[in-house]
Amino acid sequence: MHGQSRGFSLIEIITIVTVIGILAAIVVVSATGIARISRDNQRQLNVNAIVERLELYYKLHTSTAGRSYPTKQDIQTKAQEIINDNEALIAPGKTSNSLVATDTIGEPMVSISEYVYQVFDADDNICTSVPCVRFVLYYRTESDNTVHRVESLHQQ
């Protein structure tokens, strides 16, 4: 008598393929979530570095009108010079400066690919000339789609 080797049935093969597919999908979803969290952490680090540089700018820039944060125009034209940290200026997934200045009063529209600088004068208008007495820096996290705001240390 020959020993009969019995192979897998079609049902067993389909079950194994289905289980492998489900496990692969779980791994992909987990990896995607981890990547989003990692990019969000990088955004937060970038914003912290930008805020530190803006506070340093405030300490070093005194005019007859008093200390000042950079104006909207300063950020639009000299962000790299002011922040002096090109990596912090670039949002994850971007290749160029992601810091933009807004003239919107209230919470501006913010995407995951930008950091939005909003600077105010003593009358709470967008600051176009010194002294600029406070700022808010906005960014959006990718993992939970939340807009975060970081306020300047000095509020007047």
Protein backbone atom coordinates (compact mmCIF):
# COMPACT_ATOMS: atom_id res chain seq x y z
CA MET A 1 0.00 0.00 0.00
CA HIS A 2 1.16 3.37 -0.85
CA GLY A 3 0.93 6.05 1.79
CA GLN A 4 -1.48 8.65 0.60
CA SER A 5 -0.45 12.20 1.29
CA ARG A 6 -3.36 14.38 1.71
CA GLY A 7 -3.04 18.07 0.71
CA PHE A 8 -4.93 21.01 2.06
CA SER A 9 -8.53 21.37 1.10
CA LEU A 10 -9.74 24.45 -0.73
CA ILE A 11 -11.54 25.65 2.42
CA GLU A 12 -8.33 25.44 4.46
CA ILE A 13 -6.35 27.37 1.85
CA ILE A 14 -9.01 30.11 1.64
CA THR A 15 -9.06 30.36 5.45
CA ILE A 16 -5.27 30.71 5.66
CA VAL A 17 -5.17 33.33 2.89
CA THR A 18 -7.96 35.30 4.58
CA VAL A 19 -6.19 35.26 7.96
CA ILE A 20 -2.92 36.38 6.36
CA GLY A 21 -4.77 39.17 4.54
CA ILE A 22 -6.39 40.40 7.74
CA LEU A 23 -3.06 40.37 9.60
CA ALA A 24 -1.36 42.25 6.75
CA ALA A 25 -4.11 44.89 6.80
CA ILE A 26 -3.69 45.36 10.54
CA VAL A 27 0.07 45.82 10.14
CA VAL A 28 -0.41 48.40 7.35
CA VAL A 29 -2.99 50.37 9.35
CA SER A 30 -0.74 50.34 12.43
CA ALA A 31 2.27 51.49 10.43
CA THR A 32 0.24 54.31 8.87
CA GLY A 33 -0.93 55.47 12.30
CA ILE A 34 2.61 55.38 13.65
CA ALA A 35 3.85 57.41 10.67
CA ARG A 36 1.17 60.07 11.27
CA ILE A 37 2.08 60.32 14.94
CA SER A 38 5.75 60.61 14.01
CA ARG A 39 5.01 63.47 11.58
CA ASP A 40 2.87 65.17 14.26
CA ASN A 41 5.76 64.93 16.73
CA GLN A 42 8.02 66.54 14.12
CA ARG A 43 5.48 69.35 13.63
CA GLN A 44 5.44 70.01 17.37
CA LEU A 45 9.25 70.06 17.53
CA ASN A 46 9.36 72.47 14.58
CA VAL A 47 6.81 74.80 16.16
CA ASN A 48 8.69 74.77 19.47
CA ALA A 49 11.92 75.72 17.64
CA ILE A 50 10.14 78.51 15.73
CA VAL A 51 8.59 79.88 18.94
CA GLU A 52 12.00 79.89 20.67
CA ARG A 53 13.47 81.91 17.78
CA LEU A 54 10.55 84.35 17.81
CA GLU A 55 11.04 84.91 21.54
CA LEU A 56 14.76 85.47 20.98
CA TYR A 57 13.92 87.98 18.24
CA TYR A 58 11.67 89.80 20.71
CA LYS A 59 14.48 90.04 23.27
CA LEU A 60 16.99 91.34 20.73
CA HIS A 61 14.84 93.80 18.75
CA THR A 62 14.10 96.97 20.62
CA SER A 63 13.18 100.22 18.93
CA THR A 64 12.08 103.57 20.28
CA ALA A 65 8.58 102.07 20.24
CA GLY A 66 9.68 99.16 22.45
CA ARG A 67 10.38 95.47 21.99
CA SER A 68 8.75 93.76 19.05
CA TYR A 69 8.04 90.41 17.46
CA PRO A 70 8.54 90.20 13.69
CA THR A 71 5.83 91.88 11.63
CA LYS A 72 3.73 89.97 9.12
CA GLN A 73 5.92 91.37 6.32
CA ASP A 74 9.11 90.33 8.13
CA ILE A 75 7.93 86.72 8.24
CA GLN A 76 6.85 86.84 4.60
CA THR A 77 10.19 88.18 3.40
CA LYS A 78 12.83 87.20 5.99
CA ALA A 79 11.58 84.05 7.76
CA GLN A 80 14.75 82.06 7.14
CA GLU A 81 16.92 84.90 8.44
CA ILE A 82 14.72 85.46 11.52
CA ILE A 83 14.20 81.81 12.49
CA ASN A 84 17.68 80.71 11.36
CA ASP A 85 16.68 77.03 11.41
CA ASN A 86 15.70 75.86 7.94
CA GLU A 87 14.68 72.40 9.13
CA ALA A 88 12.19 73.85 11.64
CA LEU A 89 10.59 75.92 8.88
CA ILE A 90 9.78 72.86 6.76
CA ALA A 91 6.68 70.85 7.67
CA PRO A 92 6.90 67.04 7.31
CA GLY A 93 6.43 66.02 3.69
CA LYS A 94 7.31 69.48 2.36
CA THR A 95 10.55 70.66 0.78
CA SER A 96 10.39 74.41 1.35
CA ASN A 97 9.45 77.02 3.95
CA SER A 98 6.09 76.17 5.54
CA LEU A 99 5.82 79.24 7.79
CA VAL A 100 3.20 81.66 6.49
CA ALA A 101 1.97 84.93 7.97
CA THR A 102 -1.73 85.69 7.94
CA ASP A 103 -3.73 88.89 8.09
CA THR A 104 -6.82 87.04 9.29
CA ILE A 105 -8.27 88.08 12.64
CA GLY A 106 -9.59 85.04 14.51
CA GLU A 107 -8.50 81.48 13.90
CA PRO A 108 -7.07 81.12 10.38
CA MET A 109 -7.45 78.10 8.11
CA VAL A 110 -4.49 75.80 8.76
CA SER A 111 -3.39 72.71 6.83
CA ILE A 112 -1.02 69.96 7.93
CA SER A 113 1.61 71.33 5.55
CA GLU A 114 1.99 74.78 7.10
CA TYR A 115 2.62 76.75 10.26
CA VAL A 116 0.57 79.97 10.42
CA TYR A 117 1.97 83.06 12.18
CA GLN A 118 -0.50 85.65 13.40
CA VAL A 119 1.02 88.76 14.99
CA PHE A 120 -0.80 91.60 16.75
CA ASP A 121 -0.19 95.19 17.72
CA ALA A 122 -1.31 96.76 21.00
CA ASP A 123 -4.82 97.34 19.60
CA ASP A 124 -5.22 93.63 18.66
CA ASN A 125 -4.97 94.34 14.94
CA ILE A 126 -2.64 92.41 12.65
CA CYS A 127 0.73 94.05 13.19
CA THR A 128 2.24 95.65 10.11
CA SER A 129 4.71 97.96 11.87
CA VAL A 130 6.58 97.77 15.15
CA PRO A 131 5.93 97.24 17.94
CA CYS A 132 4.24 93.88 17.53
CA VAL A 133 3.32 92.89 21.07
CA ARG A 134 2.15 89.28 20.78
CA PHE A 135 1.73 86.39 18.37
CA VAL A 136 -0.08 83.10 17.94
CA LEU A 137 1.44 80.26 15.93
CA TYR A 138 -1.01 77.68 14.58
CA TYR A 139 -0.42 74.17 13.26
CA ARG A 140 -2.64 71.17 12.50
CA THR A 141 -1.89 67.61 13.57
CA GLU A 142 -2.48 64.87 11.05
CA SER A 143 -3.41 62.02 13.38
CA ASP A 144 -6.45 63.75 14.91
CA ASN A 145 -6.95 66.70 12.49
CA THR A 146 -6.80 69.20 15.37
CA VAL A 147 -5.60 72.80 15.07
CA HIS A 148 -3.17 73.72 17.85
CA ARG A 149 -2.18 77.22 18.87
CA VAL A 150 0.94 78.36 20.66
CA GLU A 151 0.88 81.86 22.11
CA SER A 152 3.85 84.13 22.66
CA LEU A 153 5.24 84.48 26.16
CA HIS A 154 4.55 88.20 26.09
CA GLN A 155 0.94 89.18 25.65
CA GLN A 156 1.36 92.98 25.72
